[in-house]
N, C-alpha and C. Protein backbone atom coordinates (compact mmCIF):
# COMPACT_ATOMS: atom_id res chain seq x y z
N MET A 1 1.92 38.15 3.72
CA MET A 1 2.23 36.85 3.21
C MET A 1 0.86 36.02 3.10
N SER A 2 0.70 35.40 1.94
CA SER A 2 -0.56 34.64 1.73
C SER A 2 -0.64 33.45 2.62
N GLU A 3 -1.88 32.98 2.82
CA GLU A 3 -2.11 31.80 3.65
C GLU A 3 -1.39 30.60 2.99
N SER A 4 -1.43 30.37 1.72
CA SER A 4 -0.72 29.25 1.21
C SER A 4 0.81 29.33 1.35
N ALA A 5 1.38 30.58 1.38
CA ALA A 5 2.85 30.68 1.56
C ALA A 5 3.19 30.34 2.97
N ARG A 6 2.26 30.75 3.91
CA ARG A 6 2.58 30.39 5.28
C ARG A 6 2.56 28.84 5.52
N ARG A 7 1.67 28.20 4.84
CA ARG A 7 1.43 26.78 5.05
C ARG A 7 2.57 25.93 4.40
N GLY A 8 3.18 26.39 3.36
CA GLY A 8 4.22 25.70 2.70
C GLY A 8 3.59 24.84 1.56
N PRO A 9 4.39 24.06 0.88
CA PRO A 9 3.90 23.27 -0.23
C PRO A 9 2.92 22.19 0.16
N SER A 10 2.02 21.86 -0.69
CA SER A 10 1.09 20.72 -0.39
C SER A 10 1.45 19.63 -1.31
N HIS A 11 1.04 18.43 -0.87
CA HIS A 11 1.31 17.17 -1.51
C HIS A 11 0.05 16.34 -1.56
N VAL A 12 -0.19 15.64 -2.73
CA VAL A 12 -1.45 14.91 -2.91
C VAL A 12 -1.10 13.41 -2.79
N PHE A 13 -1.77 12.62 -2.04
CA PHE A 13 -1.56 11.22 -1.95
C PHE A 13 -2.92 10.52 -2.36
N THR A 14 -2.73 9.37 -3.11
CA THR A 14 -3.96 8.65 -3.49
C THR A 14 -3.83 7.26 -3.06
N ALA A 15 -5.07 6.68 -2.92
CA ALA A 15 -5.09 5.17 -2.66
C ALA A 15 -6.42 4.77 -3.15
N THR A 16 -6.56 3.50 -3.39
CA THR A 16 -7.78 2.88 -3.91
C THR A 16 -8.05 1.61 -2.97
N VAL A 17 -9.34 1.49 -2.61
CA VAL A 17 -9.75 0.27 -1.96
C VAL A 17 -10.91 -0.34 -2.78
N ALA A 18 -10.68 -1.53 -3.25
CA ALA A 18 -11.64 -2.25 -4.07
C ALA A 18 -12.21 -3.47 -3.29
N TRP A 19 -13.52 -3.48 -3.12
CA TRP A 19 -14.12 -4.57 -2.47
C TRP A 19 -13.99 -5.89 -3.33
N ASP A 20 -13.70 -7.02 -2.61
CA ASP A 20 -13.53 -8.27 -3.35
C ASP A 20 -14.92 -8.95 -3.64
N GLY A 21 -16.04 -8.36 -3.27
CA GLY A 21 -17.27 -8.98 -3.47
C GLY A 21 -17.87 -9.63 -2.28
N PRO A 22 -19.12 -10.06 -2.33
CA PRO A 22 -19.80 -10.51 -1.15
C PRO A 22 -19.42 -11.86 -0.71
N GLY A 23 -18.66 -12.65 -1.54
CA GLY A 23 -18.31 -13.97 -1.17
C GLY A 23 -19.51 -14.90 -1.30
N ALA A 24 -19.65 -15.89 -0.33
CA ALA A 24 -20.74 -16.82 -0.47
C ALA A 24 -22.05 -16.29 0.05
N ARG A 25 -22.05 -15.12 0.73
CA ARG A 25 -23.32 -14.53 1.27
C ARG A 25 -23.60 -13.24 0.61
N PRO A 26 -24.84 -12.98 0.33
CA PRO A 26 -25.24 -11.62 -0.20
C PRO A 26 -25.20 -10.61 0.94
N THR A 27 -25.07 -9.37 0.46
CA THR A 27 -24.91 -8.21 1.43
C THR A 27 -26.24 -8.07 2.24
N THR A 28 -27.32 -8.69 1.81
CA THR A 28 -28.56 -8.62 2.67
C THR A 28 -28.40 -9.52 3.97
N GLU A 29 -27.41 -10.37 3.90
CA GLU A 29 -27.02 -11.16 5.19
C GLU A 29 -25.91 -10.26 5.86
N VAL A 30 -26.35 -9.22 6.50
CA VAL A 30 -25.45 -8.15 7.02
C VAL A 30 -24.36 -8.63 7.85
N ARG A 31 -24.57 -9.61 8.68
CA ARG A 31 -23.56 -10.15 9.52
C ARG A 31 -22.63 -11.14 8.89
N ARG A 32 -22.87 -11.63 7.67
CA ARG A 32 -22.24 -12.69 7.11
C ARG A 32 -21.52 -12.48 5.76
N PHE A 33 -21.77 -11.41 5.06
CA PHE A 33 -21.10 -11.18 3.73
C PHE A 33 -19.64 -10.78 4.03
N SER A 34 -18.78 -11.00 3.04
CA SER A 34 -17.38 -10.73 3.07
C SER A 34 -17.08 -9.21 3.15
N ARG A 35 -16.19 -8.84 4.06
CA ARG A 35 -15.76 -7.46 4.13
C ARG A 35 -14.38 -7.30 3.51
N VAL A 36 -13.78 -8.34 2.95
CA VAL A 36 -12.47 -8.29 2.40
C VAL A 36 -12.35 -7.39 1.19
N SER A 37 -11.31 -6.59 1.17
CA SER A 37 -11.01 -5.66 0.04
C SER A 37 -9.52 -5.70 -0.23
N THR A 38 -9.18 -5.02 -1.27
CA THR A 38 -7.72 -4.90 -1.66
C THR A 38 -7.43 -3.37 -1.72
N ALA A 39 -6.45 -2.95 -0.88
CA ALA A 39 -6.04 -1.53 -0.82
C ALA A 39 -4.78 -1.48 -1.73
N SER A 40 -4.72 -0.48 -2.58
CA SER A 40 -3.53 -0.22 -3.35
C SER A 40 -3.21 1.21 -3.44
N ALA A 41 -1.92 1.50 -3.66
CA ALA A 41 -1.44 2.87 -3.75
C ALA A 41 -0.48 3.01 -4.85
N GLY A 42 -0.84 2.39 -6.02
CA GLY A 42 -0.02 2.53 -7.21
C GLY A 42 0.66 1.24 -7.62
N ALA A 43 1.04 1.15 -8.84
CA ALA A 43 1.60 -0.07 -9.39
C ALA A 43 2.91 -0.54 -8.68
N GLU A 44 3.67 0.46 -8.13
CA GLU A 44 4.91 0.06 -7.57
C GLU A 44 4.85 -0.36 -6.16
N VAL A 45 3.65 -0.27 -5.49
CA VAL A 45 3.47 -0.70 -4.16
C VAL A 45 2.61 -1.99 -4.04
N PRO A 46 3.06 -3.06 -3.35
CA PRO A 46 2.26 -4.27 -3.31
C PRO A 46 0.87 -3.96 -2.70
N PRO A 47 -0.15 -4.63 -3.18
CA PRO A 47 -1.47 -4.48 -2.64
C PRO A 47 -1.54 -5.07 -1.21
N LEU A 48 -2.49 -4.55 -0.45
CA LEU A 48 -2.66 -4.96 0.92
C LEU A 48 -4.09 -5.47 1.06
N ARG A 49 -4.22 -6.68 1.69
CA ARG A 49 -5.46 -7.32 1.97
C ARG A 49 -6.03 -6.62 3.26
N VAL A 50 -7.24 -6.06 3.19
CA VAL A 50 -7.87 -5.31 4.23
C VAL A 50 -9.27 -5.82 4.45
N SER A 51 -9.79 -5.61 5.61
CA SER A 51 -11.18 -6.12 5.94
C SER A 51 -11.68 -5.25 7.12
N ALA A 52 -12.84 -5.56 7.55
CA ALA A 52 -13.39 -4.98 8.81
C ALA A 52 -12.63 -5.69 10.01
N ALA A 53 -12.65 -5.10 11.09
CA ALA A 53 -12.14 -5.76 12.38
C ALA A 53 -13.06 -6.91 12.62
N ARG A 54 -12.51 -7.98 13.24
CA ARG A 54 -13.32 -9.13 13.59
C ARG A 54 -14.56 -8.73 14.42
N THR A 55 -14.47 -7.79 15.27
CA THR A 55 -15.57 -7.32 16.05
C THR A 55 -16.74 -6.77 15.19
N PHE A 56 -16.35 -6.36 14.00
CA PHE A 56 -17.40 -5.83 13.07
C PHE A 56 -17.56 -6.79 11.84
N PHE A 57 -17.51 -8.13 12.16
CA PHE A 57 -17.73 -9.20 11.22
C PHE A 57 -16.69 -9.29 10.13
N GLY A 58 -15.51 -8.91 10.37
CA GLY A 58 -14.41 -8.92 9.32
C GLY A 58 -13.52 -10.13 9.48
N ASP A 59 -12.51 -10.10 8.74
CA ASP A 59 -11.53 -11.21 8.66
C ASP A 59 -10.38 -10.83 9.59
N ARG A 60 -10.19 -11.69 10.60
CA ARG A 60 -9.17 -11.42 11.52
C ARG A 60 -7.71 -11.52 10.94
N ASP A 61 -7.55 -12.04 9.74
CA ASP A 61 -6.27 -12.25 9.18
C ASP A 61 -5.90 -11.13 8.17
N ALA A 62 -6.61 -10.06 8.25
CA ALA A 62 -6.35 -8.85 7.37
C ALA A 62 -6.29 -7.61 8.27
N PHE A 63 -5.56 -6.59 7.72
CA PHE A 63 -5.56 -5.30 8.36
C PHE A 63 -7.00 -4.75 8.22
N ASN A 64 -7.34 -3.98 9.25
CA ASN A 64 -8.65 -3.24 9.26
C ASN A 64 -8.48 -1.81 9.36
N PRO A 65 -9.47 -0.99 9.19
CA PRO A 65 -9.35 0.46 9.20
C PRO A 65 -8.76 0.99 10.44
N GLU A 66 -9.20 0.34 11.52
CA GLU A 66 -8.70 0.79 12.93
C GLU A 66 -7.18 0.61 13.10
N THR A 67 -6.73 -0.64 12.68
CA THR A 67 -5.30 -0.93 12.80
C THR A 67 -4.48 -0.10 11.76
N LEU A 68 -5.07 0.14 10.58
CA LEU A 68 -4.35 0.98 9.59
C LEU A 68 -4.14 2.35 10.11
N LEU A 69 -5.23 2.98 10.76
CA LEU A 69 -5.14 4.29 11.22
C LEU A 69 -4.01 4.37 12.36
N LEU A 70 -4.05 3.41 13.22
CA LEU A 70 -3.05 3.35 14.36
C LEU A 70 -1.72 3.06 13.81
N SER A 71 -1.48 2.21 12.85
CA SER A 71 -0.29 1.93 12.18
C SER A 71 0.28 3.20 11.54
N ALA A 72 -0.57 3.96 10.86
CA ALA A 72 -0.13 5.18 10.25
C ALA A 72 0.41 6.19 11.23
N LEU A 73 -0.28 6.27 12.39
CA LEU A 73 0.17 7.15 13.48
C LEU A 73 1.43 6.71 14.03
N ALA A 74 1.64 5.47 14.26
CA ALA A 74 2.89 4.97 14.88
C ALA A 74 4.07 5.12 13.84
N GLN A 75 3.81 4.85 12.60
CA GLN A 75 4.84 4.91 11.55
C GLN A 75 5.22 6.40 11.36
N CYS A 76 4.32 7.26 11.36
CA CYS A 76 4.57 8.70 11.19
C CYS A 76 5.52 9.19 12.34
N HIS A 77 5.13 8.78 13.59
CA HIS A 77 5.92 9.27 14.72
C HIS A 77 7.35 8.67 14.59
N LEU A 78 7.38 7.37 14.31
CA LEU A 78 8.68 6.68 14.13
C LEU A 78 9.61 7.41 13.12
N LEU A 79 9.02 7.67 11.95
CA LEU A 79 9.79 8.40 10.87
C LEU A 79 10.30 9.74 11.39
N ALA A 80 9.41 10.48 11.99
CA ALA A 80 9.87 11.83 12.48
C ALA A 80 10.93 11.63 13.61
N PHE A 81 10.80 10.68 14.47
CA PHE A 81 11.84 10.39 15.46
C PHE A 81 13.17 10.10 14.86
N LEU A 82 13.15 9.17 13.82
CA LEU A 82 14.41 8.77 13.14
C LEU A 82 15.05 9.99 12.49
N ARG A 83 14.31 10.78 11.87
CA ARG A 83 14.86 11.96 11.13
C ARG A 83 15.44 12.93 12.16
N LEU A 84 14.75 13.19 13.20
CA LEU A 84 15.29 14.16 14.25
C LEU A 84 16.48 13.67 14.87
N ALA A 85 16.50 12.39 15.20
CA ALA A 85 17.73 11.78 15.82
C ALA A 85 18.93 11.98 14.85
N GLY A 86 18.71 11.61 13.63
CA GLY A 86 19.74 11.71 12.65
C GLY A 86 20.24 13.12 12.51
N LEU A 87 19.33 14.09 12.47
CA LEU A 87 19.73 15.48 12.26
C LEU A 87 20.55 15.98 13.50
N ALA A 88 20.25 15.34 14.64
CA ALA A 88 20.96 15.79 15.88
C ALA A 88 22.30 15.04 16.06
N GLY A 89 22.67 14.17 15.02
CA GLY A 89 23.91 13.40 15.03
C GLY A 89 23.85 12.17 15.87
N HIS A 90 22.71 11.67 16.18
CA HIS A 90 22.53 10.42 16.97
C HIS A 90 22.36 9.25 16.09
N GLU A 91 22.91 8.15 16.54
CA GLU A 91 22.72 6.88 15.74
C GLU A 91 21.63 6.04 16.45
N VAL A 92 20.59 5.73 15.72
CA VAL A 92 19.53 4.91 16.29
C VAL A 92 19.81 3.47 15.94
N SER A 93 19.94 2.64 16.97
CA SER A 93 20.23 1.24 16.77
C SER A 93 18.93 0.40 16.69
N ARG A 94 17.95 0.84 17.37
CA ARG A 94 16.68 0.09 17.47
C ARG A 94 15.57 1.08 17.82
N ALA A 95 14.44 0.87 17.23
CA ALA A 95 13.28 1.75 17.55
C ALA A 95 12.04 1.08 17.19
N THR A 96 11.04 1.05 18.09
CA THR A 96 9.70 0.55 17.86
C THR A 96 8.73 1.63 18.47
N VAL A 97 7.54 1.56 17.96
CA VAL A 97 6.46 2.38 18.53
C VAL A 97 5.18 1.58 18.56
N GLU A 98 4.75 1.22 19.74
CA GLU A 98 3.46 0.53 19.81
C GLU A 98 2.47 1.63 20.11
N VAL A 99 1.18 1.31 19.65
CA VAL A 99 0.12 2.27 19.80
C VAL A 99 -1.11 1.53 20.25
N GLU A 100 -1.88 2.11 21.17
CA GLU A 100 -3.14 1.53 21.55
C GLU A 100 -4.17 2.67 21.44
N GLY A 101 -5.30 2.40 20.75
CA GLY A 101 -6.31 3.38 20.53
C GLY A 101 -7.66 2.90 21.13
N VAL A 102 -8.43 3.85 21.60
CA VAL A 102 -9.80 3.50 22.13
C VAL A 102 -10.78 3.97 21.17
N LEU A 103 -11.63 3.11 20.62
CA LEU A 103 -12.76 3.42 19.80
C LEU A 103 -14.00 3.20 20.51
N GLU A 104 -14.83 4.24 20.53
CA GLU A 104 -16.16 4.21 21.19
C GLU A 104 -17.30 4.22 20.22
N LEU A 105 -18.34 3.38 20.40
CA LEU A 105 -19.46 3.42 19.49
C LEU A 105 -20.49 4.33 20.18
N GLY A 106 -21.17 5.10 19.34
CA GLY A 106 -22.23 5.96 19.89
C GLY A 106 -23.60 5.43 19.32
N PRO A 107 -24.51 6.38 19.43
CA PRO A 107 -25.84 6.07 18.90
C PRO A 107 -25.84 5.74 17.37
N GLY A 108 -26.63 4.69 17.05
CA GLY A 108 -26.69 4.23 15.70
C GLY A 108 -25.38 3.55 15.25
N ASP A 109 -24.58 3.10 16.17
CA ASP A 109 -23.33 2.37 15.95
C ASP A 109 -22.29 3.27 15.25
N ALA A 110 -22.47 4.59 15.28
CA ALA A 110 -21.38 5.51 14.71
C ALA A 110 -20.26 5.45 15.80
N GLY A 111 -19.10 5.33 15.29
CA GLY A 111 -17.96 5.24 16.18
C GLY A 111 -16.90 6.29 15.91
N ARG A 112 -16.02 6.42 16.88
CA ARG A 112 -14.91 7.33 16.66
C ARG A 112 -13.85 6.97 17.66
N PHE A 113 -12.58 7.22 17.34
CA PHE A 113 -11.48 7.06 18.27
C PHE A 113 -11.63 8.20 19.19
N VAL A 114 -11.40 7.93 20.52
CA VAL A 114 -11.44 9.04 21.52
C VAL A 114 -10.07 9.26 22.12
N SER A 115 -9.18 8.30 22.01
CA SER A 115 -7.79 8.51 22.45
C SER A 115 -6.82 7.41 21.85
N ALA A 116 -5.64 7.76 21.88
CA ALA A 116 -4.54 6.86 21.48
C ALA A 116 -3.31 7.22 22.27
N VAL A 117 -2.54 6.08 22.67
CA VAL A 117 -1.30 6.29 23.43
C VAL A 117 -0.20 5.59 22.65
N LEU A 118 0.87 6.38 22.34
CA LEU A 118 2.05 5.88 21.77
C LEU A 118 3.01 5.43 22.79
N SER A 119 3.65 4.21 22.60
CA SER A 119 4.66 3.66 23.55
C SER A 119 5.89 3.39 22.83
N PRO A 120 6.79 4.39 22.74
CA PRO A 120 8.09 4.15 21.98
C PRO A 120 9.15 3.42 22.82
N SER A 121 9.97 2.73 22.12
CA SER A 121 11.11 2.06 22.77
C SER A 121 12.27 2.11 21.77
N SER A 122 13.41 2.64 22.24
CA SER A 122 14.54 2.74 21.27
C SER A 122 15.82 2.72 22.03
N LEU A 123 16.89 2.49 21.24
CA LEU A 123 18.28 2.55 21.67
C LEU A 123 18.93 3.64 20.72
N VAL A 124 19.28 4.76 21.25
CA VAL A 124 19.88 5.79 20.53
C VAL A 124 21.23 6.15 21.22
N LEU A 125 22.29 6.25 20.33
CA LEU A 125 23.57 6.55 20.82
C LEU A 125 23.98 8.00 20.34
N ASP A 126 24.60 8.67 21.21
CA ASP A 126 25.11 10.05 20.90
C ASP A 126 26.42 9.90 20.07
N ALA A 127 27.04 11.00 19.73
CA ALA A 127 28.25 11.05 18.88
C ALA A 127 29.43 10.39 19.56
N ARG A 128 29.42 10.16 20.90
CA ARG A 128 30.51 9.52 21.61
C ARG A 128 30.21 7.97 21.80
N GLY A 129 28.98 7.57 21.44
CA GLY A 129 28.60 6.13 21.52
C GLY A 129 27.88 5.85 22.78
N ALA A 130 27.56 6.86 23.61
CA ALA A 130 26.80 6.64 24.80
C ALA A 130 25.31 6.67 24.57
N ALA A 131 24.55 5.85 25.23
CA ALA A 131 23.07 5.78 25.15
C ALA A 131 22.53 7.12 25.65
N LEU A 132 21.50 7.62 24.89
CA LEU A 132 20.80 8.83 25.32
C LEU A 132 20.08 8.54 26.59
N ASP A 133 19.99 9.50 27.46
CA ASP A 133 19.25 9.35 28.72
C ASP A 133 17.75 9.66 28.52
N ALA A 134 16.95 9.33 29.40
CA ALA A 134 15.45 9.47 29.33
C ALA A 134 15.06 10.92 28.97
N PRO A 135 15.60 11.99 29.59
CA PRO A 135 15.19 13.32 29.16
C PRO A 135 15.45 13.59 27.70
N ALA A 136 16.62 13.18 27.26
CA ALA A 136 16.94 13.46 25.84
C ALA A 136 16.09 12.74 24.88
N LEU A 137 15.71 11.42 25.26
CA LEU A 137 14.82 10.71 24.44
C LEU A 137 13.35 11.30 24.48
N ASP A 138 12.93 11.72 25.59
CA ASP A 138 11.66 12.36 25.80
C ASP A 138 11.57 13.67 24.89
N ALA A 139 12.70 14.45 24.90
CA ALA A 139 12.61 15.66 24.08
C ALA A 139 12.57 15.30 22.62
N LEU A 140 13.29 14.22 22.18
CA LEU A 140 13.16 13.84 20.71
C LEU A 140 11.80 13.39 20.42
N HIS A 141 11.18 12.61 21.31
CA HIS A 141 9.79 12.11 21.05
C HIS A 141 8.76 13.21 21.04
N ALA A 142 8.98 14.22 21.99
CA ALA A 142 8.02 15.38 21.98
C ALA A 142 8.09 16.10 20.67
N LEU A 143 9.25 16.34 20.14
CA LEU A 143 9.36 17.05 18.89
C LEU A 143 8.84 16.15 17.74
N ALA A 144 9.11 14.89 17.74
CA ALA A 144 8.58 14.02 16.76
C ALA A 144 7.14 14.08 16.71
N HIS A 145 6.46 14.05 17.91
CA HIS A 145 5.00 14.13 18.01
C HIS A 145 4.47 15.41 17.38
N GLU A 146 5.19 16.55 17.70
CA GLU A 146 4.75 17.82 17.10
C GLU A 146 4.84 17.79 15.57
N GLN A 147 5.83 17.13 15.03
CA GLN A 147 6.10 17.10 13.58
C GLN A 147 5.32 16.05 12.85
N CYS A 148 4.71 15.11 13.46
CA CYS A 148 4.02 13.97 12.82
C CYS A 148 2.82 14.57 12.10
N PHE A 149 2.72 14.28 10.75
CA PHE A 149 1.62 14.77 9.92
C PHE A 149 0.31 14.07 10.38
N ILE A 150 0.42 12.82 10.67
CA ILE A 150 -0.81 12.05 11.05
C ILE A 150 -1.33 12.63 12.39
N ALA A 151 -0.44 12.73 13.39
CA ALA A 151 -0.91 13.22 14.69
C ALA A 151 -1.57 14.59 14.51
N ASN A 152 -1.04 15.40 13.63
CA ASN A 152 -1.56 16.69 13.42
C ASN A 152 -2.83 16.75 12.71
N SER A 153 -3.22 15.61 12.17
CA SER A 153 -4.48 15.52 11.38
C SER A 153 -5.66 14.85 12.11
N LEU A 154 -5.34 14.38 13.33
CA LEU A 154 -6.38 13.69 14.10
C LEU A 154 -7.06 14.57 15.08
N ASN A 155 -8.34 14.22 15.43
CA ASN A 155 -9.05 15.08 16.38
C ASN A 155 -9.42 14.28 17.61
N PHE A 156 -8.55 13.48 18.14
CA PHE A 156 -8.80 12.82 19.40
C PHE A 156 -7.51 12.98 20.25
N ALA A 157 -7.65 12.68 21.56
CA ALA A 157 -6.55 12.84 22.48
C ALA A 157 -5.43 11.91 22.14
N LEU A 158 -4.18 12.41 22.03
CA LEU A 158 -2.95 11.62 21.73
C LEU A 158 -1.94 11.85 22.85
N SER A 159 -1.30 10.83 23.25
CA SER A 159 -0.18 11.01 24.26
C SER A 159 0.92 10.10 23.86
N VAL A 160 2.11 10.45 24.35
CA VAL A 160 3.34 9.64 24.07
C VAL A 160 3.88 9.27 25.50
N LYS A 161 4.03 8.02 25.72
CA LYS A 161 4.60 7.50 27.03
C LYS A 161 6.10 7.81 26.93
N PRO A 162 6.84 7.84 28.01
CA PRO A 162 8.26 7.87 27.97
C PRO A 162 8.89 6.67 27.32
N ASP A 163 9.91 6.88 26.61
CA ASP A 163 10.66 5.84 25.90
C ASP A 163 11.24 4.90 26.91
N THR A 164 10.85 3.65 26.90
CA THR A 164 11.36 2.64 27.91
C THR A 164 12.78 2.12 27.57
N GLY A 165 13.17 2.29 26.31
CA GLY A 165 14.52 1.73 25.94
C GLY A 165 14.56 0.25 25.90
N GLU A 166 13.40 -0.38 26.12
CA GLU A 166 13.41 -1.88 26.19
C GLU A 166 12.68 -2.42 24.94
N GLY A 167 13.12 -3.60 24.51
CA GLY A 167 12.47 -4.18 23.30
C GLY A 167 11.12 -4.59 23.69
N THR A 168 10.13 -4.47 22.79
CA THR A 168 8.75 -4.79 22.99
C THR A 168 8.16 -5.57 21.80
N SER A 169 7.19 -6.38 21.99
CA SER A 169 6.60 -7.11 20.93
C SER A 169 5.10 -7.18 21.21
N GLY A 170 4.34 -6.71 20.24
CA GLY A 170 2.91 -6.73 20.45
C GLY A 170 2.24 -7.26 19.26
N ASP A 171 0.94 -7.51 19.29
CA ASP A 171 0.22 -8.03 18.16
C ASP A 171 -0.26 -6.93 17.30
N PRO A 172 0.43 -6.65 16.14
CA PRO A 172 0.08 -5.56 15.36
C PRO A 172 -1.26 -5.68 14.63
N ALA A 173 -1.85 -6.84 14.52
CA ALA A 173 -2.99 -7.00 13.70
C ALA A 173 -4.33 -6.60 14.56
N GLY A 174 -4.19 -6.37 15.81
CA GLY A 174 -5.39 -5.98 16.58
C GLY A 174 -6.49 -7.08 16.54
N GLU A 175 -7.76 -6.62 16.63
CA GLU A 175 -8.79 -7.67 16.67
C GLU A 175 -9.09 -8.33 15.32
């Protein structure tokens, strides 16, 4: 069997990020020029305002690359979890996934994520209408983590905390 046959079909995704320009300050004023850009993924998807993280002189009212990466990881896990629960005949009433990542800066200000922790919380009912217990939720989350495309594409430590089953609310915008 060929390598491509073992891998399965491939899919191509595209996105564009266009810088909005330097604003009132030229790029030679490295700490002061605008980092705001517009991300797009086709005419049918609304554009997204993006910037650098505030820590890196960006706009705190826009998504930044760090929060976008973590959001993609959380969304991918959530979608895999929802699919697996549905395939198992379970009804998901509520589900959230919070994620916290650690970015370290190295020599020359080159940075990389070194770890991320997913904290899921859900209410899942079995076919009889009873809430799933912690071991059943953990098994679903473990399989969702294995199947998440984004998790499988990253090269830093990832872990999934046990599902608390409690509602949570965090600040999704990060810094």
